[in-house]
């Protein structure tokens, strides 16, 4: 049986399976991060972005291919996270524009959509780099046009597209030397191939597992709770009031009487709640569910063993508290301020520092969990100002910030800060009397004058830039380049500072300490600075940031 016309229903099913396949492989894609730092998040970002698009597709009740593609584009746009998520949203934005008037798609129409996606995505990136997701998208799209000329049937057509996409992905290390050095393919490209594989699997009628077992329960719970938008619902609208989490430790006697069937267990739980997540292995079941009667969920679990690590939270009380606090925080006057500043931080200490420097809204985010376009859009609105400056403070958030700026209904400028020190330095250049373009230039020039150092740990063995890096050893990163590694964090920090500080030019070192750094260690580092760089003024703040033991700002 051939399929030569793709209607909206079939396209929606392909998209949903593509999103599911991406979800199943997101952790693998995260692991392709070139740097062995514990914040490789390409898979996570693409997954959350595509999930947002898939949710919009599910809401479409019209069997029209153009309408389905438009809904995917809308969901992706608002849910886009990180550079990979933004580029993915642009690919399907261009696809949507090319096919939005078409009720059904032929292979030629689909190929035109892929080409439109490439054109839009390349325009969205200021300096396109080959050997990335852009290359995979482009080469697959170019091939799709040729394939469609002679192949009207979608199954062999999509098989050809996936084949070329895989070959393109395999070639990314030859185009981007750092990929070849580390021995990985491009993570964004892998994400796109994974989506296309999901499209093809749907056309073939292949079933994919319902749940990604390698993603942690915490990550999935966070993703579920992220959907709860406190500003757009009433407390009384919460149908299932208790966030319930527990684990079941299998017991042989109970299993003999009630053999464990994960699908049946999930089905039973779905009758008493929502936001359901179930993960199991040979010894344990982990459960997260929003239920009105938590005991019912636990009773179902007890059929298979004993309950451990139970946690129940009243979401109605939480929601009431959050809404109440937000109402208190909102100014009584609805008059907009002349300027607002939105900035992204990680760690309570860094958040307070930005607020002390004049930030209007501080989004907690950055490494691992990049804020989406919608998060940034809401922050711009929350700033309640005629003109808003946005400081992303992370290279992987800049594109989402620019996308949020494009759809804002006020004047917005993005100062493309890529690190926390750059953002803090830029804040010092803000002039409330200047116009927005002048502020963008002045703040940007200050941002360029600061040097950023970071201390974190390696998540795997690798070799990069001539350094042999061992798993769990510490790494010193100077302005984005790994320059030192050692098993001891203080040795790493001291060596990095030796490399970065120029006593003839640098005057101030600001140290932001991470959430797990102890006072003795900080005192040792301070003493080292006093002994070796007596002319450099040292300021120390408790940043409270995760992942990075220290962040250094050198001016």
Protein backbone atom coordinates (compact mmCIF):
# COMPACT_ATOMS: atom_id res chain seq x y z
CA UNK A 1 0.00 0.00 0.00
CA UNK A 2 1.44 3.33 -1.03
CA UNK A 3 0.94 6.73 0.57
CA UNK A 4 1.20 9.58 -1.90
CA UNK A 5 -0.78 12.25 -0.07
CA UNK A 6 -0.05 13.16 3.53
CA UNK A 7 -3.10 14.56 5.33
CA UNK A 8 -3.12 16.49 8.61
CA UNK A 9 -3.94 13.45 10.73
CA UNK A 10 -1.03 11.41 9.39
CA UNK A 11 1.37 14.37 9.65
CA UNK A 12 0.31 14.88 13.27
CA UNK A 13 0.97 11.22 14.04
CA UNK A 14 4.42 11.47 12.46
CA UNK A 15 5.22 14.56 14.54
CA UNK A 16 4.07 12.92 17.77
CA UNK A 17 6.18 9.85 17.11
CA UNK A 18 9.15 12.03 16.18
CA UNK A 19 8.77 13.87 19.50
CA UNK A 20 8.48 10.58 21.38
CA UNK A 21 11.58 9.15 19.73
CA UNK A 22 13.52 12.30 20.61
CA UNK A 23 12.36 12.00 24.21
CA UNK A 24 13.54 8.41 24.37
CA UNK A 25 17.01 9.39 23.18
CA UNK A 26 17.44 12.77 24.88
CA UNK A 27 19.94 11.55 27.46
CA UNK A 28 22.07 9.93 24.78
CA UNK A 29 22.05 13.22 22.86
CA UNK A 30 23.02 15.11 26.02
CA UNK A 31 26.04 12.84 26.32
CA UNK A 32 27.33 13.97 22.92
CA UNK A 33 28.27 17.36 24.39
CA UNK A 34 31.80 18.16 23.22
CA UNK A 35 33.02 19.42 26.58
CA UNK A 36 32.83 16.75 29.31
CA UNK A 37 31.07 19.21 31.63
CA UNK A 38 28.01 18.11 33.63
CA UNK A 39 25.68 20.44 31.75
CA UNK A 40 25.39 18.86 28.33
CA UNK A 41 21.78 19.69 27.62
CA UNK A 42 21.19 19.62 23.86
CA UNK A 43 18.95 16.57 24.11
CA UNK A 44 17.05 17.99 27.07
CA UNK A 45 16.52 21.33 25.33
CA UNK A 46 15.43 19.78 22.05
CA UNK A 47 13.15 17.35 23.87
CA UNK A 48 11.39 20.06 25.91
CA UNK A 49 11.11 22.26 22.81
CA UNK A 50 9.65 19.45 20.67
CA UNK A 51 7.35 18.38 23.49
CA UNK A 52 5.89 21.89 23.52
CA UNK A 53 5.32 21.62 19.77
CA UNK A 54 3.74 18.19 20.11
CA UNK A 55 1.30 19.49 22.75
CA UNK A 56 0.06 22.11 20.28
CA UNK A 57 -0.30 19.46 17.57
CA UNK A 58 -2.45 17.34 19.90
CA UNK A 59 -4.89 20.22 20.23
CA UNK A 60 -5.58 20.41 16.47
CA UNK A 61 -8.94 18.94 15.46
CA UNK A 62 -8.74 19.85 11.78
CA UNK A 63 -7.46 17.33 9.23
CA UNK A 64 -5.33 19.89 7.39
CA UNK A 65 -1.57 19.43 6.95
CA UNK A 66 -0.88 23.17 6.87
CA UNK A 67 -2.82 23.73 10.09
CA UNK A 68 -0.95 20.91 11.83
CA UNK A 69 2.44 22.28 10.74
CA UNK A 70 1.43 25.76 11.90
CA UNK A 71 0.49 24.44 15.34
CA UNK A 72 3.84 22.64 15.58
CA UNK A 73 5.61 25.88 14.71
CA UNK A 74 3.67 27.83 17.33
CA UNK A 75 4.39 25.31 20.09
CA UNK A 76 8.06 25.08 19.20
CA UNK A 77 8.44 28.85 19.07
CA UNK A 78 7.17 29.39 22.61
CA UNK A 79 8.79 26.27 24.07
CA UNK A 80 12.20 26.69 22.42
CA UNK A 81 15.11 26.28 24.84
CA UNK A 82 18.80 26.68 24.15
CA UNK A 83 20.39 27.25 20.77
CA UNK A 84 19.45 23.76 19.59
CA UNK A 85 15.80 24.26 20.53
CA UNK A 86 15.64 27.66 18.86
CA UNK A 87 17.22 26.35 15.65
CA UNK A 88 14.80 23.41 15.69
CA UNK A 89 11.90 25.85 16.07
CA UNK A 90 13.19 27.85 13.10
CA UNK A 91 13.48 24.73 10.95
CA UNK A 92 9.82 23.88 11.50
CA UNK A 93 8.81 27.54 11.33
CA UNK A 94 10.16 27.65 7.78
CA UNK A 95 8.57 24.28 7.05
CA UNK A 96 5.22 25.65 8.23
CA UNK A 97 5.45 28.80 6.11
CA UNK A 98 6.12 26.71 3.03
CA UNK A 99 3.14 24.37 3.50
CA UNK A 100 0.61 26.36 5.57
CA UNK A 101 -1.92 26.64 2.70
CA UNK A 102 -1.78 22.96 1.76
CA UNK A 103 -4.48 20.60 3.01
CA UNK A 104 -2.44 17.56 1.97
CA UNK A 105 1.24 17.18 1.15
CA UNK A 106 2.89 15.33 -1.69
CA UNK A 107 6.53 14.30 -1.37
CA UNK A 108 7.41 17.39 -3.42
CA UNK A 109 5.42 19.57 -1.03
CA UNK A 110 7.13 17.98 1.97
CA UNK A 111 10.53 18.56 0.34
CA UNK A 112 9.60 22.21 -0.22
CA UNK A 113 8.80 22.42 3.48
CA UNK A 114 12.19 21.01 4.43
CA UNK A 115 13.88 23.50 2.12
CA UNK A 116 11.87 26.35 3.63
CA UNK A 117 12.98 25.22 7.07
CA UNK A 118 16.63 25.36 6.09
CA UNK A 119 16.31 28.85 4.62
CA UNK A 120 14.61 30.17 7.77
CA UNK A 121 17.05 28.48 10.15
CA UNK A 122 20.16 29.76 8.36
CA UNK A 123 18.76 33.31 8.43
CA UNK A 124 18.11 33.03 12.16
CA UNK A 125 21.75 32.20 12.97
CA UNK A 126 24.09 35.19 12.80
CA UNK A 127 27.16 33.11 11.96
CA UNK A 128 26.08 29.69 10.66
CA UNK A 129 28.59 26.96 11.43
CA UNK A 130 28.83 23.85 9.26
CA UNK A 131 29.13 20.51 10.97
CA UNK A 132 26.06 21.24 13.10
CA UNK A 133 22.30 20.65 12.99
CA UNK A 134 22.18 23.22 10.17
CA UNK A 135 24.33 21.04 7.95
CA UNK A 136 22.22 17.95 8.63
CA UNK A 137 19.01 19.87 7.93
CA UNK A 138 20.39 21.40 4.73
CA UNK A 139 21.85 18.24 3.21
CA UNK A 140 18.72 16.23 4.05
CA UNK A 141 16.51 18.95 2.53
CA UNK A 142 18.59 19.19 -0.65
CA UNK A 143 18.43 15.42 -1.06
CA UNK A 144 14.68 15.41 -0.40
CA UNK A 145 14.09 17.63 -3.45
CA UNK A 146 15.95 15.19 -5.70
CA UNK A 147 14.24 12.15 -4.19
CA UNK A 148 10.79 13.71 -4.55
CA UNK A 149 11.32 14.26 -8.27
CA UNK A 150 11.16 10.51 -8.86
CA UNK A 151 9.43 9.16 -5.74
CA UNK A 152 5.77 10.04 -5.03
CA UNK A 153 5.43 7.41 -2.26
CA UNK A 154 6.16 8.78 1.22
CA UNK A 155 7.68 5.63 2.72
CA UNK A 156 10.65 5.28 0.32
CA UNK A 157 10.87 9.09 0.19
CA UNK A 158 11.30 9.36 3.97
CA UNK A 159 13.68 6.39 3.98
CA UNK A 160 15.86 8.34 1.56
CA UNK A 161 15.70 11.52 3.67
CA UNK A 162 16.68 9.65 6.84
CA UNK A 163 19.53 7.88 5.05
CA UNK A 164 21.01 11.18 3.83
CA UNK A 165 20.47 12.82 7.23
CA UNK A 166 22.41 9.98 8.89
CA UNK A 167 25.22 10.25 6.35
CA UNK A 168 25.34 14.01 6.92
CA UNK A 169 25.47 13.50 10.68
CA UNK A 170 28.29 10.99 10.28
CA UNK A 171 30.23 13.62 8.34
CA UNK A 172 29.92 16.40 10.94
CA UNK A 173 33.28 15.61 12.61
CA UNK A 174 35.02 16.25 9.28
CA UNK A 175 33.50 19.74 9.11
CA UNK A 176 33.97 20.71 12.75
CA UNK A 177 37.45 19.79 14.03
CA UNK A 178 36.49 19.82 17.71
CA UNK A 179 33.97 17.03 17.07
CA UNK A 180 36.65 14.95 15.41
CA UNK A 181 39.11 15.55 18.23
CA UNK A 182 36.64 14.43 20.89
CA UNK A 183 35.25 11.61 18.74
CA UNK A 184 31.55 12.51 18.64
CA UNK A 185 29.01 13.62 16.06
CA UNK A 186 27.09 16.88 16.46
CA UNK A 187 24.47 16.59 19.20
CA UNK A 188 21.95 18.92 17.53
CA UNK A 189 22.27 17.03 14.28
CA UNK A 190 21.71 13.79 16.16
CA UNK A 191 18.55 15.27 17.64
CA UNK A 192 17.19 16.17 14.19
CA UNK A 193 18.02 12.71 12.82
CA UNK A 194 16.20 11.19 15.79
CA UNK A 195 13.07 13.19 14.96
CA UNK A 196 13.23 12.15 11.31
CA UNK A 197 13.66 8.53 12.41
CA UNK A 198 10.45 8.92 14.41
CA UNK A 199 8.68 10.23 11.30
CA UNK A 200 9.83 7.19 9.36
CA UNK A 201 8.90 4.75 12.13
CA UNK A 202 5.36 6.10 12.06
CA UNK A 203 5.07 5.63 8.32
CA UNK A 204 6.29 2.06 8.74
CA UNK A 205 3.83 1.42 11.53
CA UNK A 206 6.60 0.62 13.99
CA UNK A 207 5.87 0.95 17.70
CA UNK A 208 8.27 2.74 20.03
CA UNK A 209 8.37 2.25 23.83
CA UNK A 210 6.25 4.68 25.81
CA UNK A 211 8.90 5.78 28.31
CA UNK A 212 12.56 6.71 28.28
CA UNK A 213 14.07 4.59 31.03
CA UNK A 214 17.44 6.31 31.03
CA UNK A 215 16.09 9.79 31.89
CA UNK A 216 15.99 10.38 35.65
CA UNK A 217 12.65 10.58 37.43
CA UNK A 218 13.65 14.00 38.80
CA UNK A 219 14.13 15.39 35.29
CA UNK A 220 10.77 14.07 34.17
CA UNK A 221 8.98 15.37 37.28
CA UNK A 222 10.54 18.80 36.71
CA UNK A 223 9.30 18.74 33.13
CA UNK A 224 5.79 17.81 34.28
CA UNK A 225 5.70 20.54 36.93
CA UNK A 226 7.05 23.06 34.43
CA UNK A 227 3.74 22.72 32.58
CA UNK A 228 1.88 24.17 35.59
CA UNK A 229 1.66 27.86 34.75
CA UNK A 230 0.65 29.48 38.03
CA UNK A 231 -0.54 32.74 36.43
CA UNK A 232 -3.07 31.23 34.06
CA UNK A 233 -5.12 28.95 36.31
CA UNK A 234 -7.23 29.21 39.45
CA UNK A 235 -6.60 27.14 42.57
CA UNK A 236 -10.07 25.61 42.31
CA UNK A 237 -9.23 24.38 38.79
CA UNK A 238 -6.68 21.89 40.16
CA UNK A 239 -8.50 18.59 39.80
CA UNK A 240 -5.93 16.37 41.52
CA UNK A 241 -4.60 18.22 44.53
CA UNK A 242 -1.68 16.17 45.84
CA UNK A 243 1.70 15.71 44.19
CA UNK A 244 2.50 12.15 45.21
CA UNK A 245 5.89 10.49 44.85
CA UNK A 246 6.92 7.13 46.23
CA UNK A 247 9.02 4.07 45.50
CA UNK A 248 8.05 0.43 45.75
CA UNK A 249 10.70 -2.12 46.69
CA UNK A 250 9.73 -5.44 45.08
CA UNK A 251 8.96 -8.38 47.40
CA UNK A 252 8.98 -11.89 45.99
CA UNK A 253 5.96 -13.05 48.01
CA UNK A 254 3.77 -10.25 46.72
CA UNK A 255 5.05 -10.63 43.16
CA UNK A 256 4.14 -14.31 43.25
CA UNK A 257 0.57 -13.30 44.01
CA UNK A 258 0.52 -10.18 41.81
CA UNK A 259 3.04 -10.39 38.95
CA UNK A 260 4.22 -6.91 38.04
CA UNK A 261 3.02 -5.55 34.72
CA UNK A 262 4.22 -1.97 34.23
CA UNK A 263 1.66 -1.13 31.56
CA UNK A 264 -1.21 -2.45 33.67
CA UNK A 265 0.10 -0.60 36.74
CA UNK A 266 0.35 2.63 34.78
CA UNK A 267 -3.16 2.10 33.44
CA UNK A 268 -4.56 1.59 36.96
CA UNK A 269 -2.82 4.72 38.24
CA UNK A 270 -4.11 6.78 35.32
CA UNK A 271 -7.65 6.13 36.59
CA UNK A 272 -7.00 8.04 39.82
CA UNK A 273 -4.74 10.94 38.72
CA UNK A 274 -2.70 12.69 36.07
CA UNK A 275 0.89 13.89 35.40
CA UNK A 276 1.79 10.23 35.72
CA UNK A 277 5.36 8.96 35.51
CA UNK A 278 6.39 5.36 36.21
CA UNK A 279 9.94 3.99 35.99
CA UNK A 280 10.95 0.51 37.10
CA UNK A 281 13.90 -1.86 37.12
CA UNK A 282 14.57 -5.27 38.64
CA UNK A 283 14.36 -3.99 42.23
CA UNK A 284 12.25 -0.84 42.37
CA UNK A 285 9.33 1.09 40.94
CA UNK A 286 9.46 4.91 41.04
CA UNK A 287 6.12 6.67 40.82
CA UNK A 288 5.06 10.29 40.41
CA UNK A 289 1.36 11.11 40.12
CA UNK A 290 -0.97 14.01 40.88
CA UNK A 291 -3.87 12.39 42.75
CA UNK A 292 -6.84 13.51 44.85
CA UNK A 293 -6.42 10.55 47.19
CA UNK A 294 -2.69 9.68 47.46
CA UNK A 295 -3.41 6.60 49.54
CA UNK A 296 -5.14 4.95 46.59
CA UNK A 297 -1.98 5.25 44.49
CA UNK A 298 0.17 3.84 47.27
CA UNK A 299 -2.23 0.97 47.86
CA UNK A 300 -1.87 0.01 44.20
CA UNK A 301 1.91 0.04 44.60
CA UNK A 302 1.80 -2.09 47.76
CA UNK A 303 0.50 -5.02 45.73
CA UNK A 304 4.07 -5.48 44.48
CA UNK A 305 6.17 -4.71 47.54
CA UNK A 306 6.91 -2.28 50.36
CA UNK A 307 6.70 1.51 50.13
CA UNK A 308 9.82 3.64 50.57
CA UNK A 309 10.73 7.33 50.09
CA UNK A 310 7.19 8.68 50.18
CA UNK A 311 6.50 12.38 49.58
CA UNK A 312 3.12 14.12 49.36
CA UNK A 313 2.65 17.84 48.71
CA UNK A 314 -0.61 19.81 48.71
CA UNK A 315 -0.54 21.60 45.36
CA UNK A 316 -3.58 23.73 46.13
CA UNK A 317 -1.81 25.25 49.12
CA UNK A 318 1.37 25.71 47.06
CA UNK A 319 -0.57 27.37 44.25
CA UNK A 320 -2.44 29.69 46.60
CA UNK A 321 0.84 30.70 48.24
CA UNK A 322 2.60 31.34 44.93
CA UNK A 323 -0.26 33.39 43.51
CA UNK A 324 -0.52 35.35 46.76
CA UNK A 325 3.19 36.16 46.73
CA UNK A 326 3.04 37.23 43.07
CA UNK A 327 0.12 39.53 43.81
CA UNK A 328 2.06 41.11 46.67
CA UNK A 329 5.06 41.59 44.43
CA UNK A 330 3.10 43.30 41.67
CA UNK A 331 3.08 47.09 41.92
CA UNK A 332 -0.30 48.66 42.63
CA UNK A 333 0.11 51.06 39.73
CA UNK A 334 -0.20 49.63 36.26
CA UNK A 335 1.89 52.45 34.80
CA UNK A 336 4.89 51.08 32.95
CA UNK A 337 8.40 52.07 33.97
CA UNK A 338 10.69 53.63 31.39
CA UNK A 339 13.20 50.73 31.61
CA UNK A 340 13.22 47.16 32.78
CA UNK A 341 16.14 44.72 32.89
CA UNK A 342 15.64 40.95 32.60
CA UNK A 343 18.59 38.74 33.43
CA UNK A 344 19.21 35.03 33.87
CA UNK A 345 21.12 33.63 36.83
CA UNK A 346 21.88 30.37 38.57
CA UNK A 347 22.06 30.28 42.35
CA UNK A 348 20.32 32.42 44.96
CA UNK A 349 23.47 34.42 45.71
CA UNK A 350 23.95 35.40 42.07
CA UNK A 351 20.26 36.30 41.85
CA UNK A 352 20.65 38.70 44.77
CA UNK A 353 23.75 40.23 43.19
CA UNK A 354 21.87 40.96 39.98
CA UNK A 355 18.99 42.46 41.93
CA UNK A 356 21.43 44.68 43.83
CA UNK A 357 22.83 45.87 40.49
CA UNK A 358 19.35 46.93 39.34
CA UNK A 359 17.83 43.92 37.58
CA UNK A 360 14.02 44.12 37.43
CA UNK A 361 13.33 40.42 36.83
CA UNK A 362 15.82 37.60 37.46
CA UNK A 363 15.03 34.22 35.93
CA UNK A 364 16.60 31.26 37.69
CA UNK A 365 18.14 29.15 34.97
CA UNK A 366 21.25 28.80 32.88
CA UNK A 367 23.19 25.56 32.88
CA UNK A 368 21.21 22.34 32.35
CA UNK A 369 17.79 24.01 32.38
CA UNK A 370 17.71 26.86 29.87
CA UNK A 371 14.63 29.11 30.04
CA UNK A 372 12.34 28.83 27.04
CA UNK A 373 11.26 31.58 24.68
CA UNK A 374 7.97 31.67 26.59
CA UNK A 375 9.75 31.96 29.96
CA UNK A 376 11.72 34.93 28.64
CA UNK A 377 8.61 36.46 27.04
CA UNK A 378 6.77 36.29 30.35
CA UNK A 379 9.76 37.86 32.14
CA UNK A 380 9.73 40.73 29.63
CA UNK A 381 6.03 41.28 30.38
CA UNK A 382 6.67 41.02 34.12
CA UNK A 383 9.27 43.79 33.85
CA UNK A 384 6.31 46.08 33.00
CA UNK A 385 8.42 48.65 31.18
CA UNK A 386 8.34 50.57 27.91
CA UNK A 387 11.85 49.40 27.07
CA UNK A 388 13.45 46.17 28.26
CA UNK A 389 17.08 45.02 28.19
CA UNK A 390 17.70 41.25 28.37
CA UNK A 391 20.95 39.70 29.60
CA UNK A 392 20.99 35.92 28.88
CA UNK A 393 24.38 35.30 30.61
CA UNK A 394 24.78 32.01 28.77
CA UNK A 395 25.64 31.42 25.12
CA UNK A 396 22.93 28.78 24.92
CA UNK A 397 20.19 31.25 25.91
CA UNK A 398 21.05 34.14 23.57
CA UNK A 399 18.97 32.86 20.63
CA UNK A 400 15.89 32.19 22.78
CA UNK A 401 16.22 35.72 24.20
CA UNK A 402 16.40 37.19 20.69
CA UNK A 403 13.36 35.16 19.68
CA UNK A 404 11.47 36.47 22.73
CA UNK A 405 12.50 40.01 21.81
CA UNK A 406 11.06 39.58 18.30
CA UNK A 407 7.59 38.71 19.57
CA UNK A 408 7.48 41.24 22.42
CA UNK A 409 5.00 44.12 22.25
CA UNK A 410 7.51 46.59 23.75
CA UNK A 411 10.96 47.72 22.66
CA UNK A 412 13.48 45.05 23.64
CA UNK A 413 17.24 44.81 23.17
CA UNK A 414 19.31 41.71 23.93
CA UNK A 415 22.81 42.31 25.28
CA UNK A 416 24.37 38.96 24.27
CA UNK A 417 26.20 38.19 27.53
CA UNK A 418 27.49 34.62 27.55
CA UNK A 419 28.61 34.35 31.18
CA UNK A 420 27.54 35.58 34.61
CA UNK A 421 30.60 37.90 34.89
CA UNK A 422 29.80 39.41 31.50
CA UNK A 423 26.24 40.08 32.62
CA UNK A 424 27.35 41.70 35.87
CA UNK A 425 29.89 43.85 34.10
CA UNK A 426 27.29 44.92 31.53
CA UNK A 427 24.89 45.95 34.30
CA UNK A 428 27.40 48.59 35.44
CA UNK A 429 27.07 50.33 32.07
CA UNK A 430 23.31 50.83 32.23
CA UNK A 431 22.23 54.46 31.90
CA UNK A 432 18.50 55.09 32.56
CA UNK A 433 18.71 58.41 30.69
CA UNK A 434 20.10 56.90 27.46
CA UNK A 435 18.11 55.38 24.61
CA UNK A 436 17.97 51.62 24.25
CA UNK A 437 20.49 51.38 21.39
CA UNK A 438 23.06 53.45 23.30
CA UNK A 439 22.60 51.25 26.36
CA UNK A 440 23.04 48.14 24.22
CA UNK A 441 26.34 49.46 22.84
CA UNK A 442 27.70 50.75 26.16
CA UNK A 443 26.74 47.68 28.14
CA UNK A 444 28.07 45.44 25.39
CA UNK A 445 31.45 47.20 25.40
CA UNK A 446 31.81 46.75 29.18
CA UNK A 447 30.82 43.12 28.85
CA UNK A 448 33.68 42.54 26.41
CA UNK A 449 36.27 43.79 28.89
CA UNK A 450 35.76 41.12 31.55
CA UNK A 451 37.43 37.69 31.60
CA UNK A 452 35.50 34.65 32.85
CA UNK A 453 36.96 31.62 34.59
CA UNK A 454 34.99 28.57 35.70
CA UNK A 455 35.82 25.49 37.75
CA UNK A 456 33.73 22.35 37.26
CA UNK A 457 34.24 18.60 37.00
CA UNK A 458 34.45 16.15 34.09
CA UNK A 459 31.64 13.68 33.46
CA UNK A 460 33.74 11.39 31.26
CA UNK A 461 37.27 10.68 30.09
CA UNK A 462 38.22 12.60 26.98
CA UNK A 463 41.01 14.44 25.21
CA UNK A 464 40.50 17.99 24.01
CA UNK A 465 42.82 20.88 23.16
CA UNK A 466 45.78 18.67 24.00
CA UNK A 467 44.56 17.92 27.53
CA UNK A 468 43.91 14.41 28.80
CA UNK A 469 40.86 14.79 31.02
CA UNK A 470 39.78 12.08 33.45
CA UNK A 471 36.26 11.49 34.66
CA UNK A 472 35.49 13.26 37.97
CA UNK A 473 38.66 15.36 37.78
CA UNK A 474 38.24 19.12 37.94
CA UNK A 475 38.61 21.41 34.96
CA UNK A 476 39.48 25.09 34.70
CA UNK A 477 37.77 26.89 31.83
CA UNK A 478 39.12 30.25 30.66
CA UNK A 479 36.61 32.17 28.52
CA UNK A 480 35.06 28.97 27.22
CA UNK A 481 38.31 27.01 26.67
CA UNK A 482 39.41 24.19 28.97
CA UNK A 483 42.97 25.10 29.94
CA UNK A 484 43.75 23.05 33.06
CA UNK A 485 42.64 19.82 34.73
CA UNK A 486 43.56 18.20 38.05
CA UNK A 487 42.06 15.83 40.60
CA UNK A 488 42.15 18.60 43.24
CA UNK A 489 39.74 21.54 42.97
CA UNK A 490 42.05 24.08 44.67
CA UNK A 491 45.01 23.15 42.51
CA UNK A 492 42.81 23.57 39.46
CA UNK A 493 41.52 26.94 40.65
CA UNK A 494 44.97 28.29 41.50
CA UNK A 495 46.44 27.17 38.19
CA UNK A 496 43.58 28.73 36.26
CA UNK A 497 44.03 32.05 38.06
CA UNK A 498 47.78 31.94 37.35
CA UNK A 499 47.00 31.53 33.68
CA UNK A 500 44.30 34.21 33.47
CA UNK A 501 45.50 37.08 35.65
CA UNK A 502 47.79 39.68 34.11
CA UNK A 503 49.25 41.68 37.01
CA UNK A 504 50.08 44.61 34.72
CA UNK A 505 46.49 45.00 33.53
CA UNK A 506 44.04 43.25 35.87
CA UNK A 507 42.89 45.02 39.02
CA UNK A 508 39.86 43.18 40.42
CA UNK A 509 39.04 39.50 40.90
CA UNK A 510 35.48 38.62 41.91
CA UNK A 511 35.00 35.05 43.13
CA UNK A 512 31.53 33.51 43.10
CA UNK A 513 31.51 30.36 45.22
CA UNK A 514 29.33 27.37 44.36
CA UNK A 515 26.73 25.64 46.48
CA UNK A 516 29.03 22.90 47.77
CA UNK A 517 32.24 24.86 48.42
CA UNK A 518 33.41 24.95 52.07
CA UNK A 519 34.72 28.03 53.91
CA UNK A 520 38.21 26.62 54.54
CA UNK A 521 38.71 26.04 50.84
CA UNK A 522 37.63 29.61 50.05
CA UNK A 523 39.96 30.99 52.74
CA UNK A 524 42.84 29.01 51.24
CA UNK A 525 42.12 30.45 47.79
CA UNK A 526 41.91 33.99 49.20
CA UNK A 527 45.25 33.56 50.98
CA UNK A 528 46.80 32.34 47.74
CA UNK A 529 45.65 35.48 45.96
CA UNK A 530 47.02 37.75 48.70
CA UNK A 531 50.39 36.01 48.56
CA UNK A 532 50.75 35.85 44.78
CA UNK A 533 48.73 38.80 43.44
CA UNK A 534 48.96 41.45 46.12
CA UNK A 535 47.97 44.27 43.75
CA UNK A 536 44.75 42.59 42.69
CA UNK A 537 41.68 43.44 44.78
CA UNK A 538 39.66 40.32 45.68
CA UNK A 539 35.90 40.26 46.27
CA UNK A 540 34.20 37.05 47.36
CA UNK A 541 30.45 36.38 47.13
CA UNK A 542 28.44 33.27 47.88
CA UNK A 543 26.92 32.63 44.46
CA UNK A 544 25.24 29.38 45.42
CA UNK A 545 25.47 28.18 41.82
CA UNK A 546 25.23 24.47 40.99
CA UNK A 547 27.74 22.58 38.83
CA UNK A 548 30.49 25.23 39.02
CA UNK A 549 32.58 25.24 42.22
CA UNK A 550 33.90 28.69 41.35
CA UNK A 551 33.16 31.39 38.82
CA UNK A 552 35.88 34.03 38.42
CA UNK A 553 35.36 37.52 37.07
CA UNK A 554 38.64 39.25 36.19
CA UNK A 555 38.77 42.94 35.27
